[in-house]
C-alpha cells in the first residue's frame, strides 16, 4: 500500500489555511497552487516575471523534496490576474518546462492577496528507476 507523504515549504499560509505545499501518493506528486512569495522571508516582488521565477523556484523545491523534478511534470495550471501579462512569463516557463511540454491551462482570476500576479499548480508522476 502506498503511503501518503505531506511536504511543507514552511509558508505561514499552509498552517493558517490548512494545506500542504505538496502531497506524494505513490508515484504521483501534487504541488499546490504556488505563488511568487519567497517563503523564507514572506516577501513578494511586484512584477509578474519575478513572481514567476520565484514560483518556479518554490515548485522545484517541493518537487525535489518529493524525489521528483520538472522532467516528471505532466500537468500545469496557471492562474493570472491579467491574461495580458501572461506572455511575459513564457520565457521563464519555457526554460523550466519547454522540453517536458506538460498538458496545461491558463485562467484569468483574482488571487487571495492583491500583490499576487500569478499562481502555478503542477502534477508530476515520478518515473520508475
Foldseek 3Di string as FASTA:
>chain_A
DWDKDFAAPQAPCCVVVPHGQWIDTPQKIKGPWFWQAPRVVRDHDQDDQSGLLSRQVSVQVSQVVVVHGLLFWAEKEKEFQDPVRVVVNVVVCCVRCVVNPHHYDYYHDDDDDVSTGMIMITMGGHDDD
